[in-house]
Structure formats: C-alpha cells, structure tokens
Amino acid sequence: MQTADESASQADSRPGLLLVDDDPNHCSALQRAFERRGYSVRPAHSVPQALGLLNDWSAAYAVIDLRLPGPSGLTLIPRLRVANPRVRIVMMSGYASIASAVEAIKLGAVNYLTKPVDANMIEQAFHRLRGDENVAPGEPLSVNRLEWEHIQRALADYGGNVSATARALRMHRRTLQRKLGKHPTRS
C-alpha cells in the first residue's frame, strides 16, 4: 500500500494538463478521461480562474475552449507560452471559424479542434507534429458560412469588442449579437 507521500510524489511526476471549458459536464468528463490516462489535470471554467492556477504551476499540456465567459480562450495562449514555452496547447470550439483557428495557431496552439471532441482526439492533437498535405480541399463555403467567417475575422481584428466590430461592419450592435449567438453553418 502506498503512503500519502508516495501518492503525492507519483501525482507530481504526471504531466500537468490545464483544462479550460465553461461547460462543467464536458470539463468533468474530459478531466476523468485524462486522469485515467495519467495526467495531473487542473480544471478552470474561465480565463481568470485559469490564470489563478498558473500562479504556482505551469502545465505541459492545455486544452482551451475558445468561447468562455469574459475574455476569449485565445488570451490564455500567450500567457501559457510565457509560463512554459514548450507547452502543447489544443484549442477547441463549438463555434469554429477559419479566423479563430488561424489566430490560435499564430498565437502558439499546436492544433484546433471543432467540438464535439473527446480525450482520444485531443491526445492525438497534442502529439501531431506535422500537417497533413493529403487533406482533401473542402467544398466552397455557403454565403451564410462566408458571412460567419467574415464576422469572426472582424471580431478577432477588434479584440472581441462587439461594439467596435459592429461599427466596422456597419451593422447594428444587436444584429451582430444575434448573429454571434447563432451556431455557424457547416458549409
């Protein structure tokens, strides 16, 4: 039987994984799955909570949801990279857009996944070192999807500021908020 000191020592040798998702059920499921795989998981449900965890700890891996209450998950990427330049970050989103994927990769994420995701997909994304040149090009985007992508790009350009984005798009702020509340179309 292990002593408490041996258990603590074993837990400290496990790779640290920061899990940031505002959906408590999804977060709990992923936490259990990664703990069974040998990770030491610290969950957070917002950017401020995640930053609080980074005060005395740095993660080897991070799974970050794009849309969180308050600041976007994108704001965590540079801070994680300062704490540990070798951290492997996977961004996930149910509101995926080309603009947010490009920004996540530029900021230092190693991969970007569209929800729903599971621990297998995330773990594969952590360890994928190169792109796949054999990925088939997709179908042309629909007008609705192009509009969604344009809005997401403008929102990224204005740092997530909805009012500034609405002015730049010459759109009423409420209209933009309504469009942002809708799920993007797939094609």
N, C-alpha and C. Protein backbone atom coordinates (compact mmCIF):
# COMPACT_ATOMS: atom_id res chain seq x y z
N MET A 1 0.85 -1.19 0.00
CA MET A 1 0.00 0.00 0.00
C MET A 1 0.89 1.25 0.00
N GLN A 2 0.48 2.26 -0.78
CA GLN A 2 1.26 3.48 -0.90
C GLN A 2 0.99 4.42 0.27
N THR A 3 2.03 5.12 0.67
CA THR A 3 1.85 6.15 1.69
C THR A 3 1.37 7.42 1.00
N ALA A 4 0.94 8.38 1.80
CA ALA A 4 0.48 9.66 1.25
C ALA A 4 1.60 10.37 0.51
N ASP A 5 2.85 10.29 1.05
CA ASP A 5 3.98 10.93 0.39
C ASP A 5 4.28 10.29 -0.96
N GLU A 6 4.17 8.94 -1.04
CA GLU A 6 4.41 8.26 -2.32
C GLU A 6 3.35 8.63 -3.34
N SER A 7 2.08 8.74 -2.89
CA SER A 7 1.00 9.13 -3.80
C SER A 7 1.21 10.55 -4.31
N ALA A 8 1.62 11.46 -3.43
CA ALA A 8 1.86 12.85 -3.84
C ALA A 8 3.03 12.91 -4.81
N SER A 9 4.08 12.14 -4.54
CA SER A 9 5.24 12.11 -5.43
C SER A 9 4.86 11.58 -6.81
N GLN A 10 4.02 10.52 -6.82
CA GLN A 10 3.58 9.95 -8.09
C GLN A 10 2.72 10.96 -8.85
N ALA A 11 1.84 11.69 -8.15
CA ALA A 11 0.99 12.69 -8.80
C ALA A 11 1.83 13.81 -9.39
N ASP A 12 2.92 14.19 -8.71
CA ASP A 12 3.77 15.26 -9.19
C ASP A 12 4.54 14.87 -10.44
N SER A 13 4.79 13.57 -10.63
CA SER A 13 5.55 13.13 -11.80
C SER A 13 4.67 13.01 -13.04
N ARG A 14 3.36 13.09 -12.87
CA ARG A 14 2.46 13.02 -14.03
C ARG A 14 2.49 14.34 -14.79
N PRO A 15 2.35 14.31 -16.12
CA PRO A 15 2.35 15.57 -16.86
C PRO A 15 1.12 16.41 -16.49
N GLY A 16 1.35 17.70 -16.29
CA GLY A 16 0.26 18.61 -15.92
C GLY A 16 -0.54 19.03 -17.14
N LEU A 17 -1.86 19.01 -16.98
CA LEU A 17 -2.76 19.40 -18.06
C LEU A 17 -3.74 20.44 -17.53
N LEU A 18 -3.75 21.61 -18.14
CA LEU A 18 -4.73 22.65 -17.82
C LEU A 18 -5.92 22.46 -18.74
N LEU A 19 -7.10 22.32 -18.16
CA LEU A 19 -8.34 22.11 -18.91
C LEU A 19 -9.27 23.28 -18.65
N VAL A 20 -9.54 24.08 -19.69
CA VAL A 20 -10.37 25.28 -19.53
C VAL A 20 -11.59 25.16 -20.42
N ASP A 21 -12.74 24.97 -19.78
CA ASP A 21 -14.01 24.83 -20.51
C ASP A 21 -15.12 25.31 -19.59
N ASP A 22 -16.03 26.14 -20.12
CA ASP A 22 -17.11 26.67 -19.29
C ASP A 22 -18.27 25.70 -19.13
N ASP A 23 -18.27 24.58 -19.85
CA ASP A 23 -19.31 23.56 -19.72
C ASP A 23 -18.85 22.57 -18.65
N PRO A 24 -19.44 22.63 -17.44
CA PRO A 24 -18.95 21.79 -16.34
C PRO A 24 -19.03 20.29 -16.65
N ASN A 25 -20.06 19.85 -17.38
CA ASN A 25 -20.19 18.43 -17.69
C ASN A 25 -19.09 17.97 -18.64
N HIS A 26 -18.85 18.74 -19.67
CA HIS A 26 -17.79 18.40 -20.63
C HIS A 26 -16.43 18.44 -19.94
N CYS A 27 -16.23 19.44 -19.10
CA CYS A 27 -14.97 19.60 -18.38
C CYS A 27 -14.73 18.40 -17.46
N SER A 28 -15.75 17.99 -16.72
CA SER A 28 -15.61 16.84 -15.81
C SER A 28 -15.32 15.55 -16.56
N ALA A 29 -16.02 15.35 -17.68
CA ALA A 29 -15.80 14.13 -18.47
C ALA A 29 -14.37 14.09 -18.99
N LEU A 30 -13.89 15.20 -19.54
CA LEU A 30 -12.52 15.24 -20.04
C LEU A 30 -11.51 15.09 -18.91
N GLN A 31 -11.79 15.70 -17.75
CA GLN A 31 -10.88 15.59 -16.61
C GLN A 31 -10.73 14.12 -16.21
N ARG A 32 -11.84 13.42 -16.06
CA ARG A 32 -11.77 11.99 -15.68
C ARG A 32 -11.01 11.18 -16.72
N ALA A 33 -11.28 11.44 -17.99
CA ALA A 33 -10.62 10.68 -19.07
C ALA A 33 -9.11 10.91 -19.06
N PHE A 34 -8.69 12.16 -18.87
CA PHE A 34 -7.25 12.44 -18.88
C PHE A 34 -6.57 11.96 -17.60
N GLU A 35 -7.26 11.99 -16.48
CA GLU A 35 -6.67 11.46 -15.25
C GLU A 35 -6.45 9.95 -15.38
N ARG A 36 -7.39 9.25 -16.02
CA ARG A 36 -7.21 7.80 -16.26
C ARG A 36 -6.02 7.54 -17.18
N ARG A 37 -5.68 8.50 -18.01
CA ARG A 37 -4.55 8.36 -18.93
C ARG A 37 -3.22 8.78 -18.30
N GLY A 38 -3.26 9.19 -17.05
CA GLY A 38 -2.02 9.50 -16.34
C GLY A 38 -1.64 10.97 -16.27
N TYR A 39 -2.56 11.87 -16.59
CA TYR A 39 -2.29 13.30 -16.49
C TYR A 39 -2.73 13.82 -15.12
N SER A 40 -2.07 14.86 -14.66
CA SER A 40 -2.49 15.59 -13.47
C SER A 40 -3.28 16.80 -13.99
N VAL A 41 -4.61 16.74 -13.88
CA VAL A 41 -5.48 17.72 -14.51
C VAL A 41 -5.92 18.79 -13.51
N ARG A 42 -5.82 20.05 -13.95
CA ARG A 42 -6.36 21.17 -13.18
C ARG A 42 -7.41 21.85 -14.05
N PRO A 43 -8.69 21.78 -13.65
CA PRO A 43 -9.75 22.40 -14.45
C PRO A 43 -9.99 23.86 -14.08
N ALA A 44 -10.46 24.62 -15.06
CA ALA A 44 -10.88 26.00 -14.85
C ALA A 44 -12.05 26.25 -15.79
N HIS A 45 -12.91 27.20 -15.42
CA HIS A 45 -14.09 27.48 -16.23
C HIS A 45 -14.09 28.89 -16.83
N SER A 46 -12.98 29.62 -16.63
CA SER A 46 -12.85 30.96 -17.19
C SER A 46 -11.37 31.32 -17.27
N VAL A 47 -11.07 32.38 -18.01
CA VAL A 47 -9.69 32.84 -18.13
C VAL A 47 -9.13 33.27 -16.76
N PRO A 48 -9.86 34.07 -15.97
CA PRO A 48 -9.30 34.45 -14.65
C PRO A 48 -9.01 33.23 -13.76
N GLN A 49 -9.89 32.24 -13.78
CA GLN A 49 -9.66 31.02 -12.99
C GLN A 49 -8.39 30.31 -13.46
N ALA A 50 -8.22 30.21 -14.77
CA ALA A 50 -7.04 29.55 -15.32
C ALA A 50 -5.77 30.31 -14.95
N LEU A 51 -5.82 31.63 -15.03
CA LEU A 51 -4.65 32.44 -14.68
C LEU A 51 -4.30 32.26 -13.20
N GLY A 52 -5.31 32.10 -12.36
CA GLY A 52 -5.06 31.85 -10.94
C GLY A 52 -4.31 30.55 -10.72
N LEU A 53 -4.61 29.53 -11.53
CA LEU A 53 -3.90 28.25 -11.42
C LEU A 53 -2.44 28.37 -11.85
N LEU A 54 -2.17 29.30 -12.77
CA LEU A 54 -0.82 29.45 -13.31
C LEU A 54 0.12 30.21 -12.37
N ASN A 55 -0.41 30.76 -11.28
CA ASN A 55 0.44 31.49 -10.34
C ASN A 55 1.52 30.62 -9.72
N ASP A 56 1.19 29.35 -9.44
CA ASP A 56 2.15 28.48 -8.77
C ASP A 56 2.36 27.15 -9.50
N TRP A 57 2.02 27.12 -10.78
CA TRP A 57 2.06 25.86 -11.51
C TRP A 57 2.15 26.16 -13.00
N SER A 58 2.87 25.35 -13.75
CA SER A 58 2.84 25.50 -15.21
C SER A 58 2.51 24.15 -15.82
N ALA A 59 1.70 24.18 -16.84
CA ALA A 59 1.21 22.97 -17.48
C ALA A 59 2.11 22.54 -18.64
N ALA A 60 2.20 21.25 -18.85
CA ALA A 60 2.89 20.71 -20.02
C ALA A 60 1.93 20.66 -21.20
N TYR A 61 0.63 20.54 -20.89
CA TYR A 61 -0.42 20.46 -21.90
C TYR A 61 -1.57 21.36 -21.48
N ALA A 62 -2.32 21.86 -22.47
CA ALA A 62 -3.50 22.66 -22.18
C ALA A 62 -4.56 22.41 -23.24
N VAL A 63 -5.79 22.32 -22.78
CA VAL A 63 -6.97 22.21 -23.65
C VAL A 63 -7.82 23.41 -23.30
N ILE A 64 -8.05 24.28 -24.28
CA ILE A 64 -8.74 25.54 -24.00
C ILE A 64 -9.93 25.70 -24.94
N ASP A 65 -11.08 25.99 -24.35
CA ASP A 65 -12.27 26.31 -25.14
C ASP A 65 -12.13 27.74 -25.64
N LEU A 66 -12.56 28.00 -26.84
CA LEU A 66 -12.47 29.34 -27.42
C LEU A 66 -13.40 30.31 -26.71
N ARG A 67 -14.67 29.92 -26.61
CA ARG A 67 -15.68 30.81 -26.03
C ARG A 67 -15.83 30.52 -24.55
N LEU A 68 -15.48 31.51 -23.76
CA LEU A 68 -15.59 31.42 -22.31
C LEU A 68 -16.29 32.67 -21.81
N PRO A 69 -16.85 32.63 -20.60
CA PRO A 69 -17.41 33.87 -20.07
C PRO A 69 -16.27 34.88 -19.85
N GLY A 70 -16.45 36.09 -20.29
CA GLY A 70 -15.38 37.09 -20.18
C GLY A 70 -14.44 36.97 -21.36
N PRO A 71 -13.14 37.09 -21.11
CA PRO A 71 -12.17 37.05 -22.21
C PRO A 71 -12.17 35.70 -22.94
N SER A 72 -11.84 35.74 -24.20
CA SER A 72 -11.76 34.55 -25.04
C SER A 72 -10.61 33.64 -24.58
N GLY A 73 -10.74 32.37 -24.85
CA GLY A 73 -9.67 31.41 -24.55
C GLY A 73 -8.38 31.74 -25.28
N LEU A 74 -8.46 32.48 -26.39
CA LEU A 74 -7.26 32.86 -27.13
C LEU A 74 -6.30 33.67 -26.25
N THR A 75 -6.84 34.43 -25.30
CA THR A 75 -5.99 35.27 -24.46
C THR A 75 -5.08 34.45 -23.54
N LEU A 76 -5.41 33.19 -23.32
CA LEU A 76 -4.58 32.34 -22.46
C LEU A 76 -3.33 31.82 -23.17
N ILE A 77 -3.38 31.70 -24.49
CA ILE A 77 -2.27 31.06 -25.21
C ILE A 77 -0.94 31.77 -24.96
N PRO A 78 -0.83 33.08 -25.16
CA PRO A 78 0.47 33.72 -24.91
C PRO A 78 0.94 33.58 -23.46
N ARG A 79 0.01 33.64 -22.52
CA ARG A 79 0.38 33.54 -21.11
C ARG A 79 0.89 32.14 -20.77
N LEU A 80 0.27 31.13 -21.36
CA LEU A 80 0.74 29.76 -21.14
C LEU A 80 2.13 29.57 -21.74
N ARG A 81 2.36 30.17 -22.89
CA ARG A 81 3.65 30.02 -23.56
C ARG A 81 4.77 30.75 -22.80
N VAL A 82 4.42 31.83 -22.11
CA VAL A 82 5.41 32.51 -21.27
C VAL A 82 5.76 31.63 -20.08
N ALA A 83 4.74 31.03 -19.45
CA ALA A 83 4.97 30.17 -18.29
C ALA A 83 5.76 28.91 -18.66
N ASN A 84 5.50 28.37 -19.86
CA ASN A 84 6.21 27.17 -20.33
C ASN A 84 6.27 27.22 -21.85
N PRO A 85 7.39 27.63 -22.43
CA PRO A 85 7.48 27.76 -23.89
C PRO A 85 7.25 26.45 -24.65
N ARG A 86 7.36 25.31 -23.96
CA ARG A 86 7.18 24.01 -24.62
C ARG A 86 5.77 23.43 -24.44
N VAL A 87 4.86 24.20 -23.83
CA VAL A 87 3.51 23.71 -23.59
C VAL A 87 2.83 23.35 -24.92
N ARG A 88 2.09 22.26 -24.92
CA ARG A 88 1.34 21.80 -26.10
C ARG A 88 -0.12 22.20 -25.88
N ILE A 89 -0.61 23.14 -26.68
CA ILE A 89 -1.95 23.70 -26.49
C ILE A 89 -2.86 23.26 -27.62
N VAL A 90 -4.04 22.77 -27.25
CA VAL A 90 -5.08 22.46 -28.22
C VAL A 90 -6.26 23.36 -27.91
N MET A 91 -6.68 24.12 -28.91
CA MET A 91 -7.85 24.99 -28.80
C MET A 91 -9.04 24.19 -29.33
N MET A 92 -10.19 24.32 -28.67
CA MET A 92 -11.40 23.64 -29.14
C MET A 92 -12.55 24.64 -29.15
N SER A 93 -13.50 24.41 -30.05
CA SER A 93 -14.62 25.33 -30.14
C SER A 93 -15.81 24.69 -30.81
N GLY A 94 -16.97 25.00 -30.30
CA GLY A 94 -18.22 24.64 -30.96
C GLY A 94 -18.60 25.73 -31.96
N TYR A 95 -17.88 26.83 -31.95
CA TYR A 95 -18.13 27.97 -32.83
C TYR A 95 -16.91 28.20 -33.72
N ALA A 96 -16.41 27.13 -34.27
CA ALA A 96 -15.17 27.20 -35.03
C ALA A 96 -15.32 28.12 -36.25
N SER A 97 -14.24 28.83 -36.50
CA SER A 97 -14.17 29.65 -37.71
C SER A 97 -12.73 29.61 -38.20
N ILE A 98 -12.55 29.90 -39.46
CA ILE A 98 -11.20 29.93 -40.02
C ILE A 98 -10.38 31.00 -39.32
N ALA A 99 -10.98 32.15 -39.07
CA ALA A 99 -10.25 33.26 -38.43
C ALA A 99 -9.76 32.87 -37.05
N SER A 100 -10.62 32.25 -36.24
CA SER A 100 -10.18 31.89 -34.88
C SER A 100 -9.15 30.76 -34.91
N ALA A 101 -9.27 29.85 -35.86
CA ALA A 101 -8.28 28.77 -35.98
C ALA A 101 -6.91 29.34 -36.35
N VAL A 102 -6.89 30.25 -37.31
CA VAL A 102 -5.63 30.86 -37.73
C VAL A 102 -5.00 31.63 -36.57
N GLU A 103 -5.80 32.39 -35.84
CA GLU A 103 -5.27 33.16 -34.72
C GLU A 103 -4.72 32.24 -33.63
N ALA A 104 -5.44 31.16 -33.34
CA ALA A 104 -4.97 30.23 -32.29
C ALA A 104 -3.61 29.65 -32.67
N ILE A 105 -3.44 29.27 -33.92
CA ILE A 105 -2.17 28.69 -34.36
C ILE A 105 -1.07 29.75 -34.35
N LYS A 106 -1.39 30.95 -34.82
CA LYS A 106 -0.40 32.04 -34.80
C LYS A 106 0.07 32.35 -33.38
N LEU A 107 -0.85 32.26 -32.42
CA LEU A 107 -0.51 32.57 -31.04
C LEU A 107 0.28 31.45 -30.36
N GLY A 108 0.24 30.24 -30.95
CA GLY A 108 1.06 29.16 -30.38
C GLY A 108 0.35 27.86 -30.09
N ALA A 109 -0.93 27.75 -30.40
CA ALA A 109 -1.61 26.46 -30.23
C ALA A 109 -1.04 25.47 -31.25
N VAL A 110 -0.99 24.19 -30.89
CA VAL A 110 -0.47 23.19 -31.83
C VAL A 110 -1.58 22.60 -32.68
N ASN A 111 -2.83 22.77 -32.25
CA ASN A 111 -3.95 22.25 -33.02
C ASN A 111 -5.23 22.95 -32.61
N TYR A 112 -6.25 22.83 -33.46
CA TYR A 112 -7.55 23.47 -33.26
C TYR A 112 -8.60 22.44 -33.63
N LEU A 113 -9.46 22.10 -32.69
CA LEU A 113 -10.47 21.08 -32.93
C LEU A 113 -11.87 21.67 -32.81
N THR A 114 -12.77 21.15 -33.62
CA THR A 114 -14.16 21.55 -33.57
C THR A 114 -14.93 20.58 -32.69
N LYS A 115 -15.66 21.11 -31.72
CA LYS A 115 -16.47 20.26 -30.85
C LYS A 115 -17.58 19.60 -31.66
N PRO A 116 -18.00 18.43 -31.27
CA PRO A 116 -17.65 17.70 -30.06
C PRO A 116 -16.28 17.02 -30.20
N VAL A 117 -15.54 17.00 -29.09
CA VAL A 117 -14.24 16.36 -29.04
C VAL A 117 -14.21 15.41 -27.86
N ASP A 118 -13.32 14.42 -27.94
CA ASP A 118 -13.12 13.52 -26.81
C ASP A 118 -11.63 13.45 -26.50
N ALA A 119 -11.29 12.76 -25.44
CA ALA A 119 -9.90 12.69 -24.99
C ALA A 119 -8.99 12.08 -26.06
N ASN A 120 -9.48 11.09 -26.81
CA ASN A 120 -8.66 10.49 -27.87
C ASN A 120 -8.26 11.52 -28.92
N MET A 121 -9.22 12.30 -29.37
CA MET A 121 -8.96 13.32 -30.39
C MET A 121 -7.96 14.35 -29.87
N ILE A 122 -8.14 14.77 -28.63
CA ILE A 122 -7.26 15.78 -28.05
C ILE A 122 -5.85 15.25 -27.89
N GLU A 123 -5.73 14.03 -27.37
CA GLU A 123 -4.41 13.47 -27.16
C GLU A 123 -3.67 13.28 -28.49
N GLN A 124 -4.38 12.86 -29.53
CA GLN A 124 -3.76 12.76 -30.85
C GLN A 124 -3.31 14.14 -31.33
N ALA A 125 -4.12 15.16 -31.07
CA ALA A 125 -3.78 16.53 -31.49
C ALA A 125 -2.54 17.04 -30.75
N PHE A 126 -2.37 16.66 -29.48
CA PHE A 126 -1.18 17.06 -28.72
C PHE A 126 0.10 16.56 -29.39
N HIS A 127 0.05 15.34 -29.89
CA HIS A 127 1.26 14.68 -30.37
C HIS A 127 1.45 14.73 -31.88
N ARG A 128 0.53 15.38 -32.57
CA ARG A 128 0.68 15.52 -34.01
C ARG A 128 1.69 16.63 -34.29
N LEU A 129 2.78 16.26 -34.96
CA LEU A 129 3.88 17.20 -35.15
C LEU A 129 3.86 17.91 -36.50
N ARG A 130 3.18 17.36 -37.47
CA ARG A 130 3.15 17.96 -38.80
C ARG A 130 1.74 18.00 -39.34
N GLY A 131 1.55 18.86 -40.34
CA GLY A 131 0.28 18.92 -41.03
C GLY A 131 0.14 17.76 -41.99
N ASP A 132 -1.05 17.59 -42.54
CA ASP A 132 -1.33 16.52 -43.48
C ASP A 132 -1.56 17.11 -44.86
N GLU A 133 -0.57 16.94 -45.75
CA GLU A 133 -0.70 17.51 -47.09
C GLU A 133 -1.72 16.77 -47.94
N ASN A 134 -2.26 15.66 -47.45
CA ASN A 134 -3.25 14.89 -48.21
C ASN A 134 -4.69 15.21 -47.84
N VAL A 135 -4.88 16.22 -47.01
CA VAL A 135 -6.24 16.61 -46.66
C VAL A 135 -6.94 17.11 -47.92
N ALA A 136 -8.12 16.58 -48.15
CA ALA A 136 -8.88 16.97 -49.34
C ALA A 136 -9.43 18.38 -49.17
N PRO A 137 -9.35 19.19 -50.23
CA PRO A 137 -9.94 20.52 -50.13
C PRO A 137 -11.46 20.39 -49.99
N GLY A 138 -12.03 21.27 -49.20
CA GLY A 138 -13.47 21.21 -48.96
C GLY A 138 -14.26 21.82 -50.09
N GLU A 139 -15.55 21.72 -49.94
CA GLU A 139 -16.47 22.34 -50.89
C GLU A 139 -16.47 23.86 -50.68
N PRO A 140 -16.86 24.62 -51.70
CA PRO A 140 -16.95 26.08 -51.50
C PRO A 140 -17.92 26.39 -50.36
N LEU A 141 -17.61 27.44 -49.62
CA LEU A 141 -18.45 27.81 -48.49
C LEU A 141 -19.75 28.46 -48.95
N SER A 142 -20.81 28.23 -48.19
CA SER A 142 -22.09 28.87 -48.49
C SER A 142 -22.00 30.35 -48.14
N VAL A 143 -22.96 31.12 -48.62
CA VAL A 143 -22.99 32.55 -48.32
C VAL A 143 -23.13 32.76 -46.81
N ASN A 144 -23.95 31.95 -46.15
CA ASN A 144 -24.11 32.08 -44.69
C ASN A 144 -22.80 31.80 -43.97
N ARG A 145 -22.07 30.78 -44.42
CA ARG A 145 -20.79 30.46 -43.78
C ARG A 145 -19.76 31.56 -44.06
N LEU A 146 -19.75 32.09 -45.27
CA LEU A 146 -18.84 33.19 -45.58
C LEU A 146 -19.12 34.41 -44.70
N GLU A 147 -20.41 34.69 -44.47
CA GLU A 147 -20.76 35.80 -43.59
C GLU A 147 -20.23 35.52 -42.18
N TRP A 148 -20.43 34.31 -41.69
CA TRP A 148 -19.95 33.93 -40.36
C TRP A 148 -18.43 34.12 -40.26
N GLU A 149 -17.71 33.65 -41.27
CA GLU A 149 -16.24 33.77 -41.28
C GLU A 149 -15.82 35.25 -41.28
N HIS A 150 -16.51 36.07 -42.08
CA HIS A 150 -16.18 37.49 -42.15
C HIS A 150 -16.40 38.16 -40.79
N ILE A 151 -17.51 37.83 -40.14
CA ILE A 151 -17.80 38.40 -38.82
C ILE A 151 -16.74 37.96 -37.82
N GLN A 152 -16.36 36.68 -37.84
CA GLN A 152 -15.36 36.18 -36.90
C GLN A 152 -14.00 36.85 -37.12
N ARG A 153 -13.63 37.07 -38.38
CA ARG A 153 -12.36 37.73 -38.68
C ARG A 153 -12.39 39.17 -38.15
N ALA A 154 -13.51 39.87 -38.39
CA ALA A 154 -13.63 41.25 -37.90
C ALA A 154 -13.62 41.28 -36.38
N LEU A 155 -14.29 40.34 -35.75
CA LEU A 155 -14.31 40.28 -34.29
C LEU A 155 -12.90 40.06 -33.74
N ALA A 156 -12.13 39.21 -34.40
CA ALA A 156 -10.74 38.98 -33.98
C ALA A 156 -9.91 40.25 -34.18
N ASP A 157 -10.13 40.95 -35.29
CA ASP A 157 -9.40 42.19 -35.57
C ASP A 157 -9.64 43.25 -34.50
N TYR A 158 -10.84 43.24 -33.91
CA TYR A 158 -11.19 44.24 -32.90
C TYR A 158 -11.13 43.66 -31.49
N GLY A 159 -10.37 42.62 -31.32
CA GLY A 159 -10.12 42.07 -29.98
C GLY A 159 -11.35 41.59 -29.25
N GLY A 160 -12.36 41.13 -29.98
CA GLY A 160 -13.57 40.64 -29.34
C GLY A 160 -14.55 41.73 -28.95
N ASN A 161 -14.25 42.99 -29.25
CA ASN A 161 -15.12 44.11 -28.91
C ASN A 161 -16.29 44.13 -29.89
N VAL A 162 -17.48 43.76 -29.40
CA VAL A 162 -18.66 43.65 -30.26
C VAL A 162 -19.08 45.02 -30.81
N SER A 163 -19.05 46.05 -29.98
CA SER A 163 -19.46 47.37 -30.44
C SER A 163 -18.55 47.88 -31.56
N ALA A 164 -17.23 47.76 -31.38
CA ALA A 164 -16.28 48.21 -32.41
C ALA A 164 -16.43 47.39 -33.68
N THR A 165 -16.66 46.09 -33.53
CA THR A 165 -16.85 45.22 -34.70
C THR A 165 -18.11 45.61 -35.45
N ALA A 166 -19.19 45.88 -34.72
CA ALA A 166 -20.45 46.28 -35.35
C ALA A 166 -20.27 47.58 -36.14
N ARG A 167 -19.55 48.54 -35.55
CA ARG A 167 -19.30 49.80 -36.27
C ARG A 167 -18.49 49.54 -37.54
N ALA A 168 -17.47 48.70 -37.45
CA ALA A 168 -16.62 48.41 -38.61
C ALA A 168 -17.40 47.70 -39.70
N LEU A 169 -18.35 46.87 -39.31
CA LEU A 169 -19.16 46.13 -40.30
C LEU A 169 -20.39 46.92 -40.75
N ARG A 170 -20.54 48.13 -40.16
CA ARG A 170 -21.70 48.99 -40.45
C ARG A 170 -23.00 48.22 -40.19
N MET A 171 -23.04 47.65 -39.00
CA MET A 171 -24.15 46.81 -38.59
C MET A 171 -24.59 47.25 -37.19
N HIS A 172 -25.87 47.16 -36.91
CA HIS A 172 -26.35 47.48 -35.56
C HIS A 172 -25.77 46.45 -34.60
N ARG A 173 -25.39 46.91 -33.41
CA ARG A 173 -24.77 46.02 -32.42
C ARG A 173 -25.67 44.84 -32.07
N ARG A 174 -26.97 45.08 -31.91
CA ARG A 174 -27.90 43.99 -31.57
C ARG A 174 -27.97 42.95 -32.69
N THR A 175 -27.93 43.42 -33.92
CA THR A 175 -27.94 42.48 -35.05
C THR A 175 -26.70 41.60 -35.01
N LEU A 176 -25.56 42.22 -34.75
CA LEU A 176 -24.32 41.46 -34.66
C LEU A 176 -24.38 40.46 -33.50
N GLN A 177 -24.89 40.89 -32.36
CA GLN A 177 -25.00 39.98 -31.22
C GLN A 177 -25.92 38.80 -31.55
N ARG A 178 -27.00 39.06 -32.25
CA ARG A 178 -27.90 37.98 -32.66
C ARG A 178 -27.18 37.01 -33.58
N LYS A 179 -26.43 37.53 -34.53
CA LYS A 179 -25.68 36.66 -35.46
C LYS A 179 -24.61 35.86 -34.72
N LEU A 180 -23.97 36.47 -33.73
CA LEU A 180 -22.93 35.77 -32.97
C LEU A 180 -23.52 34.69 -32.07
N GLY A 181 -24.78 34.87 -31.67
CA GLY A 181 -25.45 33.88 -30.83
C GLY A 181 -25.85 32.63 -31.57
N LYS A 182 -25.90 32.70 -32.90
CA LYS A 182 -26.28 31.55 -33.70
C LYS A 182 -25.07 30.66 -33.92
N HIS A 183 -25.31 29.38 -34.06
CA HIS A 183 -24.23 28.46 -34.39
C HIS A 183 -23.88 28.63 -35.86
N PRO A 184 -22.62 28.51 -36.20
CA PRO A 184 -22.24 28.66 -37.60
C PRO A 184 -22.79 27.51 -38.44
N THR A 185 -23.07 27.80 -39.68
CA THR A 185 -23.49 26.74 -40.59
C THR A 185 -22.26 25.94 -40.98
N ARG A 186 -22.45 24.68 -41.29
CA ARG A 186 -21.33 23.78 -41.58
C ARG A 186 -20.70 24.04 -42.95
N SER A 187 -21.48 24.43 -43.91
CA SER A 187 -20.88 24.61 -45.24
C SER A 187 -21.19 25.94 -45.83
